[in-house]
Amino acid sequence: ILVALAGCRPHGNTQNPKFAAAAE
């Protein structure tokens, strides 16, 4: 965590099947 300094907001896939049940 100590090296968290700068950068853009990350983007990911909201349709990842591993999280399908939680998303539903």
mmCIF file of all heavy atoms, coordinates in Angstrom:
data_MODEL
# 
_entry.id   MODEL 
# 
loop_
_atom_site.group_PDB 
_atom_site.id 
_atom_site.type_symbol 
_atom_site.label_atom_id 
_atom_site.label_alt_id 
_atom_site.label_comp_id 
_atom_site.label_asym_id 
_atom_site.label_entity_id 
_atom_site.label_seq_id 
_atom_site.pdbx_PDB_ins_code 
_atom_site.Cartn_x 
_atom_site.Cartn_y 
_atom_site.Cartn_z 
_atom_site.occupancy 
_atom_site.B_iso_or_equiv 
_atom_site.pdbx_formal_charge 
_atom_site.auth_seq_id 
_atom_site.auth_comp_id 
_atom_site.auth_asym_id 
_atom_site.auth_atom_id 
_atom_site.pdbx_PDB_model_num 
ATOM 1   N N   . ILE A 1 1  ? 0.834   -1.199  0.000   1.00 0.00 ? 1  ILE A N   1 
ATOM 2   C CA  . ILE A 1 1  ? 0.000   0.000   0.000   1.00 0.00 ? 1  ILE A CA  1 
ATOM 3   C C   . ILE A 1 1  ? 0.871   1.251   0.000   1.00 0.00 ? 1  ILE A C   1 
ATOM 4   O O   . ILE A 1 1  ? 0.461   2.310   -0.457  1.00 0.00 ? 1  ILE A O   1 
ATOM 5   C CB  . ILE A 1 1  ? -0.933  0.003   1.228   1.00 0.00 ? 1  ILE A CB  1 
ATOM 6   C CG1 . ILE A 1 1  ? -1.822  -1.249  1.206   1.00 0.00 ? 1  ILE A CG1 1 
ATOM 7   C CG2 . ILE A 1 1  ? -1.808  1.236   1.258   1.00 0.00 ? 1  ILE A CG2 1 
ATOM 8   C CD1 . ILE A 1 1  ? -2.688  -1.399  2.427   1.00 0.00 ? 1  ILE A CD1 1 
ATOM 9   N N   . LEU A 1 2  ? 2.086   1.141   0.464   1.00 0.00 ? 2  LEU A N   1 
ATOM 10  C CA  . LEU A 1 2  ? 2.952   2.310   0.617   1.00 0.00 ? 2  LEU A CA  1 
ATOM 11  C C   . LEU A 1 2  ? 3.308   2.971   -0.706  1.00 0.00 ? 2  LEU A C   1 
ATOM 12  O O   . LEU A 1 2  ? 3.677   4.139   -0.740  1.00 0.00 ? 2  LEU A O   1 
ATOM 13  C CB  . LEU A 1 2  ? 4.251   1.916   1.343   1.00 0.00 ? 2  LEU A CB  1 
ATOM 14  C CG  . LEU A 1 2  ? 4.066   1.419   2.773   1.00 0.00 ? 2  LEU A CG  1 
ATOM 15  C CD1 . LEU A 1 2  ? 5.396   0.947   3.340   1.00 0.00 ? 2  LEU A CD1 1 
ATOM 16  C CD2 . LEU A 1 2  ? 3.497   2.516   3.645   1.00 0.00 ? 2  LEU A CD2 1 
ATOM 17  N N   . VAL A 1 3  ? 3.221   2.212   -1.794  1.00 0.00 ? 3  VAL A N   1 
ATOM 18  C CA  . VAL A 1 3  ? 3.621   2.771   -3.086  1.00 0.00 ? 3  VAL A CA  1 
ATOM 19  C C   . VAL A 1 3  ? 2.432   3.281   -3.891  1.00 0.00 ? 3  VAL A C   1 
ATOM 20  O O   . VAL A 1 3  ? 2.560   3.559   -5.073  1.00 0.00 ? 3  VAL A O   1 
ATOM 21  C CB  . VAL A 1 3  ? 4.396   1.728   -3.911  1.00 0.00 ? 3  VAL A CB  1 
ATOM 22  C CG1 . VAL A 1 3  ? 5.717   1.415   -3.260  1.00 0.00 ? 3  VAL A CG1 1 
ATOM 23  C CG2 . VAL A 1 3  ? 3.574   0.464   -4.103  1.00 0.00 ? 3  VAL A CG2 1 
ATOM 24  N N   . ALA A 1 4  ? 1.275   3.392   -3.254  1.00 0.00 ? 4  ALA A N   1 
ATOM 25  C CA  . ALA A 1 4  ? 0.093   3.899   -3.961  1.00 0.00 ? 4  ALA A CA  1 
ATOM 26  C C   . ALA A 1 4  ? 0.180   5.407   -4.083  1.00 0.00 ? 4  ALA A C   1 
ATOM 27  O O   . ALA A 1 4  ? -0.210  6.129   -3.197  1.00 0.00 ? 4  ALA A O   1 
ATOM 28  C CB  . ALA A 1 4  ? -1.173  3.507   -3.211  1.00 0.00 ? 4  ALA A CB  1 
ATOM 29  N N   . LEU A 1 5  ? 0.714   5.899   -5.186  1.00 0.00 ? 5  LEU A N   1 
ATOM 30  C CA  . LEU A 1 5  ? 1.036   7.320   -5.283  1.00 0.00 ? 5  LEU A CA  1 
ATOM 31  C C   . LEU A 1 5  ? 0.206   8.075   -6.311  1.00 0.00 ? 5  LEU A C   1 
ATOM 32  O O   . LEU A 1 5  ? -0.312  9.136   -6.038  1.00 0.00 ? 5  LEU A O   1 
ATOM 33  C CB  . LEU A 1 5  ? 2.531   7.473   -5.635  1.00 0.00 ? 5  LEU A CB  1 
ATOM 34  C CG  . LEU A 1 5  ? 3.482   6.867   -4.601  1.00 0.00 ? 5  LEU A CG  1 
ATOM 35  C CD1 . LEU A 1 5  ? 4.906   6.997   -5.108  1.00 0.00 ? 5  LEU A CD1 1 
ATOM 36  C CD2 . LEU A 1 5  ? 3.334   7.551   -3.263  1.00 0.00 ? 5  LEU A CD2 1 
ATOM 37  N N   . ALA A 1 6  ? 0.107   7.594   -7.541  1.00 0.00 ? 6  ALA A N   1 
ATOM 38  C CA  . ALA A 1 6  ? -0.552  8.380   -8.581  1.00 0.00 ? 6  ALA A CA  1 
ATOM 39  C C   . ALA A 1 6  ? -1.059  7.478   -9.675  1.00 0.00 ? 6  ALA A C   1 
ATOM 40  O O   . ALA A 1 6  ? -0.627  6.343   -9.817  1.00 0.00 ? 6  ALA A O   1 
ATOM 41  C CB  . ALA A 1 6  ? 0.423   9.390   -9.173  1.00 0.00 ? 6  ALA A CB  1 
ATOM 42  N N   . GLY A 1 7  ? -1.995  8.005   -10.483 1.00 0.00 ? 7  GLY A N   1 
ATOM 43  C CA  . GLY A 1 7  ? -2.496  7.223   -11.599 1.00 0.00 ? 7  GLY A CA  1 
ATOM 44  C C   . GLY A 1 7  ? -3.965  7.467   -11.832 1.00 0.00 ? 7  GLY A C   1 
ATOM 45  O O   . GLY A 1 7  ? -4.618  8.221   -11.134 1.00 0.00 ? 7  GLY A O   1 
ATOM 46  N N   . CYS A 1 8  ? -4.522  6.778   -12.808 1.00 0.00 ? 8  CYS A N   1 
ATOM 47  C CA  . CYS A 1 8  ? -5.914  6.980   -13.168 1.00 0.00 ? 8  CYS A CA  1 
ATOM 48  C C   . CYS A 1 8  ? -6.798  5.966   -12.453 1.00 0.00 ? 8  CYS A C   1 
ATOM 49  O O   . CYS A 1 8  ? -6.334  4.961   -11.955 1.00 0.00 ? 8  CYS A O   1 
ATOM 50  C CB  . CYS A 1 8  ? -6.081  6.841   -14.673 1.00 0.00 ? 8  CYS A CB  1 
ATOM 51  S SG  . CYS A 1 8  ? -5.617  5.216   -15.298 1.00 0.00 ? 8  CYS A SG  1 
ATOM 52  N N   . ARG A 1 9  ? -8.088  6.253   -12.431 1.00 0.00 ? 9  ARG A N   1 
ATOM 53  C CA  . ARG A 1 9  ? -9.059  5.336   -11.837 1.00 0.00 ? 9  ARG A CA  1 
ATOM 54  C C   . ARG A 1 9  ? -9.102  4.070   -12.674 1.00 0.00 ? 9  ARG A C   1 
ATOM 55  O O   . ARG A 1 9  ? -9.262  4.121   -13.890 1.00 0.00 ? 9  ARG A O   1 
ATOM 56  C CB  . ARG A 1 9  ? -10.443 5.995   -11.802 1.00 0.00 ? 9  ARG A CB  1 
ATOM 57  C CG  . ARG A 1 9  ? -11.551 5.053   -11.352 1.00 0.00 ? 9  ARG A CG  1 
ATOM 58  C CD  . ARG A 1 9  ? -12.861 5.784   -11.246 1.00 0.00 ? 9  ARG A CD  1 
ATOM 59  N NE  . ARG A 1 9  ? -12.881 6.667   -10.112 1.00 0.00 ? 9  ARG A NE  1 
ATOM 60  C CZ  . ARG A 1 9  ? -13.294 6.304   -8.894  1.00 0.00 ? 9  ARG A CZ  1 
ATOM 61  N NH1 . ARG A 1 9  ? -13.685 5.066   -8.674  1.00 0.00 ? 9  ARG A NH1 1 
ATOM 62  N NH2 . ARG A 1 9  ? -13.301 7.174   -7.901  1.00 0.00 ? 9  ARG A NH2 1 
ATOM 63  N N   . PRO A 1 10 ? -8.968  2.887   -12.040 1.00 0.00 ? 10 PRO A N   1 
ATOM 64  C CA  . PRO A 1 10 ? -8.971  1.645   -12.803 1.00 0.00 ? 10 PRO A CA  1 
ATOM 65  C C   . PRO A 1 10 ? -10.365 1.313   -13.322 1.00 0.00 ? 10 PRO A C   1 
ATOM 66  O O   . PRO A 1 10 ? -11.373 1.716   -12.762 1.00 0.00 ? 10 PRO A O   1 
ATOM 67  C CB  . PRO A 1 10 ? -8.519  0.606   -11.775 1.00 0.00 ? 10 PRO A CB  1 
ATOM 68  C CG  . PRO A 1 10 ? -8.884  1.187   -10.452 1.00 0.00 ? 10 PRO A CG  1 
ATOM 69  C CD  . PRO A 1 10 ? -8.751  2.676   -10.610 1.00 0.00 ? 10 PRO A CD  1 
ATOM 70  N N   . HIS A 1 11 ? -10.405 0.540   -14.387 1.00 0.00 ? 11 HIS A N   1 
ATOM 71  C CA  . HIS A 1 11 ? -11.664 0.105   -14.970 1.00 0.00 ? 11 HIS A CA  1 
ATOM 72  C C   . HIS A 1 11 ? -11.634 -1.409  -15.082 1.00 0.00 ? 11 HIS A C   1 
ATOM 73  O O   . HIS A 1 11 ? -10.603 -2.007  -15.347 1.00 0.00 ? 11 HIS A O   1 
ATOM 74  C CB  . HIS A 1 11 ? -11.873 0.739   -16.351 1.00 0.00 ? 11 HIS A CB  1 
ATOM 75  C CG  . HIS A 1 11 ? -11.982 2.233   -16.293 1.00 0.00 ? 11 HIS A CG  1 
ATOM 76  N ND1 . HIS A 1 11 ? -13.155 2.888   -15.981 1.00 0.00 ? 11 HIS A ND1 1 
ATOM 77  C CD2 . HIS A 1 11 ? -11.049 3.199   -16.496 1.00 0.00 ? 11 HIS A CD2 1 
ATOM 78  C CE1 . HIS A 1 11 ? -12.950 4.193   -15.994 1.00 0.00 ? 11 HIS A CE1 1 
ATOM 79  N NE2 . HIS A 1 11 ? -11.682 4.405   -16.302 1.00 0.00 ? 11 HIS A NE2 1 
ATOM 80  N N   . GLY A 1 12 ? -12.772 -2.040  -14.882 1.00 0.00 ? 12 GLY A N   1 
ATOM 81  C CA  . GLY A 1 12 ? -12.833 -3.487  -14.968 1.00 0.00 ? 12 GLY A CA  1 
ATOM 82  C C   . GLY A 1 12 ? -14.131 -3.931  -15.605 1.00 0.00 ? 12 GLY A C   1 
ATOM 83  O O   . GLY A 1 12 ? -14.927 -3.137  -16.104 1.00 0.00 ? 12 GLY A O   1 
ATOM 84  N N   . ASN A 1 13 ? -14.352 -5.234  -15.560 1.00 0.00 ? 13 ASN A N   1 
ATOM 85  C CA  . ASN A 1 13 ? -15.513 -5.851  -16.173 1.00 0.00 ? 13 ASN A CA  1 
ATOM 86  C C   . ASN A 1 13 ? -16.568 -6.133  -15.110 1.00 0.00 ? 13 ASN A C   1 
ATOM 87  O O   . ASN A 1 13 ? -16.385 -6.998  -14.255 1.00 0.00 ? 13 ASN A O   1 
ATOM 88  C CB  . ASN A 1 13 ? -15.083 -7.153  -16.863 1.00 0.00 ? 13 ASN A CB  1 
ATOM 89  C CG  . ASN A 1 13 ? -16.253 -7.957  -17.368 1.00 0.00 ? 13 ASN A CG  1 
ATOM 90  O OD1 . ASN A 1 13 ? -17.327 -7.408  -17.630 1.00 0.00 ? 13 ASN A OD1 1 
ATOM 91  N ND2 . ASN A 1 13 ? -16.057 -9.261  -17.517 1.00 0.00 ? 13 ASN A ND2 1 
ATOM 92  N N   . THR A 1 14 ? -17.676 -5.439  -15.169 1.00 0.00 ? 14 THR A N   1 
ATOM 93  C CA  . THR A 1 14 ? -18.736 -5.646  -14.178 1.00 0.00 ? 14 THR A CA  1 
ATOM 94  C C   . THR A 1 14 ? -19.489 -6.948  -14.422 1.00 0.00 ? 14 THR A C   1 
ATOM 95  O O   . THR A 1 14 ? -20.303 -7.347  -13.593 1.00 0.00 ? 14 THR A O   1 
ATOM 96  C CB  . THR A 1 14 ? -19.749 -4.485  -14.202 1.00 0.00 ? 14 THR A CB  1 
ATOM 97  O OG1 . THR A 1 14 ? -20.345 -4.414  -15.491 1.00 0.00 ? 14 THR A OG1 1 
ATOM 98  C CG2 . THR A 1 14 ? -19.066 -3.169  -13.870 1.00 0.00 ? 14 THR A CG2 1 
ATOM 99  N N   . GLN A 1 15 ? -19.201 -7.617  -15.539 1.00 0.00 ? 15 GLN A N   1 
ATOM 100 C CA  . GLN A 1 15 ? -19.900 -8.862  -15.871 1.00 0.00 ? 15 GLN A CA  1 
ATOM 101 C C   . GLN A 1 15 ? -19.061 -10.097 -15.564 1.00 0.00 ? 15 GLN A C   1 
ATOM 102 O O   . GLN A 1 15 ? -19.373 -11.186 -16.038 1.00 0.00 ? 15 GLN A O   1 
ATOM 103 C CB  . GLN A 1 15 ? -20.278 -8.855  -17.367 1.00 0.00 ? 15 GLN A CB  1 
ATOM 104 C CG  . GLN A 1 15 ? -21.105 -7.664  -17.794 1.00 0.00 ? 15 GLN A CG  1 
ATOM 105 C CD  . GLN A 1 15 ? -22.396 -7.535  -17.020 1.00 0.00 ? 15 GLN A CD  1 
ATOM 106 O OE1 . GLN A 1 15 ? -23.108 -8.512  -16.831 1.00 0.00 ? 15 GLN A OE1 1 
ATOM 107 N NE2 . GLN A 1 15 ? -22.702 -6.335  -16.564 1.00 0.00 ? 15 GLN A NE2 1 
ATOM 108 N N   . ASN A 1 16 ? -18.011 -9.962  -14.788 1.00 0.00 ? 16 ASN A N   1 
ATOM 109 C CA  . ASN A 1 16 ? -17.174 -11.111 -14.420 1.00 0.00 ? 16 ASN A CA  1 
ATOM 110 C C   . ASN A 1 16 ? -18.059 -12.196 -13.804 1.00 0.00 ? 16 ASN A C   1 
ATOM 111 O O   . ASN A 1 16 ? -18.745 -11.961 -12.815 1.00 0.00 ? 16 ASN A O   1 
ATOM 112 C CB  . ASN A 1 16 ? -16.110 -10.656 -13.415 1.00 0.00 ? 16 ASN A CB  1 
ATOM 113 C CG  . ASN A 1 16 ? -15.102 -11.750 -13.088 1.00 0.00 ? 16 ASN A CG  1 
ATOM 114 O OD1 . ASN A 1 16 ? -15.427 -12.923 -13.012 1.00 0.00 ? 16 ASN A OD1 1 
ATOM 115 N ND2 . ASN A 1 16 ? -13.863 -11.337 -12.867 1.00 0.00 ? 16 ASN A ND2 1 
ATOM 116 N N   . PRO A 1 17 ? -18.079 -13.407 -14.376 1.00 0.00 ? 17 PRO A N   1 
ATOM 117 C CA  . PRO A 1 17 ? -18.967 -14.463 -13.865 1.00 0.00 ? 17 PRO A CA  1 
ATOM 118 C C   . PRO A 1 17 ? -18.676 -14.860 -12.417 1.00 0.00 ? 17 PRO A C   1 
ATOM 119 O O   . PRO A 1 17 ? -19.556 -15.410 -11.746 1.00 0.00 ? 17 PRO A O   1 
ATOM 120 C CB  . PRO A 1 17 ? -18.723 -15.628 -14.830 1.00 0.00 ? 17 PRO A CB  1 
ATOM 121 C CG  . PRO A 1 17 ? -17.410 -15.338 -15.480 1.00 0.00 ? 17 PRO A CG  1 
ATOM 122 C CD  . PRO A 1 17 ? -17.318 -13.847 -15.561 1.00 0.00 ? 17 PRO A CD  1 
ATOM 123 N N   . LYS A 1 18 ? -17.479 -14.590 -11.934 1.00 0.00 ? 18 LYS A N   1 
ATOM 124 C CA  . LYS A 1 18 ? -17.153 -14.927 -10.540 1.00 0.00 ? 18 LYS A CA  1 
ATOM 125 C C   . LYS A 1 18 ? -17.969 -14.107 -9.552  1.00 0.00 ? 18 LYS A C   1 
ATOM 126 O O   . LYS A 1 18 ? -18.113 -14.490 -8.399  1.00 0.00 ? 18 LYS A O   1 
ATOM 127 C CB  . LYS A 1 18 ? -15.661 -14.712 -10.295 1.00 0.00 ? 18 LYS A CB  1 
ATOM 128 C CG  . LYS A 1 18 ? -14.756 -15.639 -11.091 1.00 0.00 ? 18 LYS A CG  1 
ATOM 129 C CD  . LYS A 1 18 ? -13.292 -15.344 -10.840 1.00 0.00 ? 18 LYS A CD  1 
ATOM 130 C CE  . LYS A 1 18 ? -12.393 -16.250 -11.656 1.00 0.00 ? 18 LYS A CE  1 
ATOM 131 N NZ  . LYS A 1 18 ? -10.951 -15.943 -11.432 1.00 0.00 ? 18 LYS A NZ  1 
ATOM 132 N N   . PHE A 1 19 ? -18.477 -12.982 -10.015 1.00 0.00 ? 19 PHE A N   1 
ATOM 133 C CA  . PHE A 1 19 ? -19.266 -12.113 -9.145  1.00 0.00 ? 19 PHE A CA  1 
ATOM 134 C C   . PHE A 1 19 ? -20.732 -12.039 -9.585  1.00 0.00 ? 19 PHE A C   1 
ATOM 135 O O   . PHE A 1 19 ? -21.469 -11.174 -9.137  1.00 0.00 ? 19 PHE A O   1 
ATOM 136 C CB  . PHE A 1 19 ? -18.660 -10.707 -9.128  1.00 0.00 ? 19 PHE A CB  1 
ATOM 137 C CG  . PHE A 1 19 ? -17.204 -10.695 -8.776  1.00 0.00 ? 19 PHE A CG  1 
ATOM 138 C CD1 . PHE A 1 19 ? -16.252 -10.349 -9.717  1.00 0.00 ? 19 PHE A CD1 1 
ATOM 139 C CD2 . PHE A 1 19 ? -16.773 -11.052 -7.505  1.00 0.00 ? 19 PHE A CD2 1 
ATOM 140 C CE1 . PHE A 1 19 ? -14.896 -10.349 -9.404  1.00 0.00 ? 19 PHE A CE1 1 
ATOM 141 C CE2 . PHE A 1 19 ? -15.430 -11.048 -7.181  1.00 0.00 ? 19 PHE A CE2 1 
ATOM 142 C CZ  . PHE A 1 19 ? -14.481 -10.708 -8.130  1.00 0.00 ? 19 PHE A CZ  1 
ATOM 143 N N   . ALA A 1 20 ? -21.141 -12.974 -10.441 1.00 0.00 ? 20 ALA A N   1 
ATOM 144 C CA  . ALA A 1 20 ? -22.480 -12.907 -11.026 1.00 0.00 ? 20 ALA A CA  1 
ATOM 145 C C   . ALA A 1 20 ? -23.567 -12.987 -9.960  1.00 0.00 ? 20 ALA A C   1 
ATOM 146 O O   . ALA A 1 20 ? -24.533 -12.210 -9.985  1.00 0.00 ? 20 ALA A O   1 
ATOM 147 C CB  . ALA A 1 20 ? -22.656 -14.028 -12.051 1.00 0.00 ? 20 ALA A CB  1 
ATOM 148 N N   . ALA A 1 21 ? -23.423 -13.917 -9.021  1.00 0.00 ? 21 ALA A N   1 
ATOM 149 C CA  . ALA A 1 21 ? -24.450 -14.078 -7.987  1.00 0.00 ? 21 ALA A CA  1 
ATOM 150 C C   . ALA A 1 21 ? -24.540 -12.836 -7.114  1.00 0.00 ? 21 ALA A C   1 
ATOM 151 O O   . ALA A 1 21 ? -25.637 -12.378 -6.767  1.00 0.00 ? 21 ALA A O   1 
ATOM 152 C CB  . ALA A 1 21 ? -24.153 -15.310 -7.131  1.00 0.00 ? 21 ALA A CB  1 
ATOM 153 N N   . ALA A 1 22 ? -23.382 -12.281 -6.752  1.00 0.00 ? 22 ALA A N   1 
ATOM 154 C CA  . ALA A 1 22 ? -23.359 -11.073 -5.928  1.00 0.00 ? 22 ALA A CA  1 
ATOM 155 C C   . ALA A 1 22 ? -23.958 -9.897  -6.674  1.00 0.00 ? 22 ALA A C   1 
ATOM 156 O O   . ALA A 1 22 ? -24.680 -9.082  -6.094  1.00 0.00 ? 22 ALA A O   1 
ATOM 157 C CB  . ALA A 1 22 ? -21.926 -10.760 -5.512  1.00 0.00 ? 22 ALA A CB  1 
ATOM 158 N N   . ALA A 1 23 ? -23.662 -9.811  -7.968  1.00 0.00 ? 23 ALA A N   1 
ATOM 159 C CA  . ALA A 1 23 ? -24.199 -8.722  -8.782  1.00 0.00 ? 23 ALA A CA  1 
ATOM 160 C C   . ALA A 1 23 ? -25.712 -8.832  -8.902  1.00 0.00 ? 23 ALA A C   1 
ATOM 161 O O   . ALA A 1 23 ? -26.434 -7.839  -8.780  1.00 0.00 ? 23 ALA A O   1 
ATOM 162 C CB  . ALA A 1 23 ? -23.563 -8.734  -10.170 1.00 0.00 ? 23 ALA A CB  1 
ATOM 163 N N   . GLU A 1 24 ? -26.193 -10.054 -9.110  1.00 0.00 ? 24 GLU A N   1 
ATOM 164 C CA  . GLU A 1 24 ? -27.637 -10.249 -9.244  1.00 0.00 ? 24 GLU A CA  1 
ATOM 165 C C   . GLU A 1 24 ? -28.362 -9.912  -7.951  1.00 0.00 ? 24 GLU A C   1 
ATOM 166 O O   . GLU A 1 24 ? -29.453 -9.332  -7.969  1.00 0.00 ? 24 GLU A O   1 
ATOM 167 C CB  . GLU A 1 24 ? -27.926 -11.697 -9.638  1.00 0.00 ? 24 GLU A CB  1 
ATOM 168 C CG  . GLU A 1 24 ? -29.390 -11.977 -9.881  1.00 0.00 ? 24 GLU A CG  1 
ATOM 169 C CD  . GLU A 1 24 ? -29.651 -13.389 -10.364 1.00 0.00 ? 24 GLU A CD  1 
ATOM 170 O OE1 . GLU A 1 24 ? -28.663 -14.135 -10.589 1.00 0.00 ? 24 GLU A OE1 1 
ATOM 171 O OE2 . GLU A 1 24 ? -30.830 -13.747 -10.521 1.00 0.00 ? 24 GLU A OE2 1 
# 
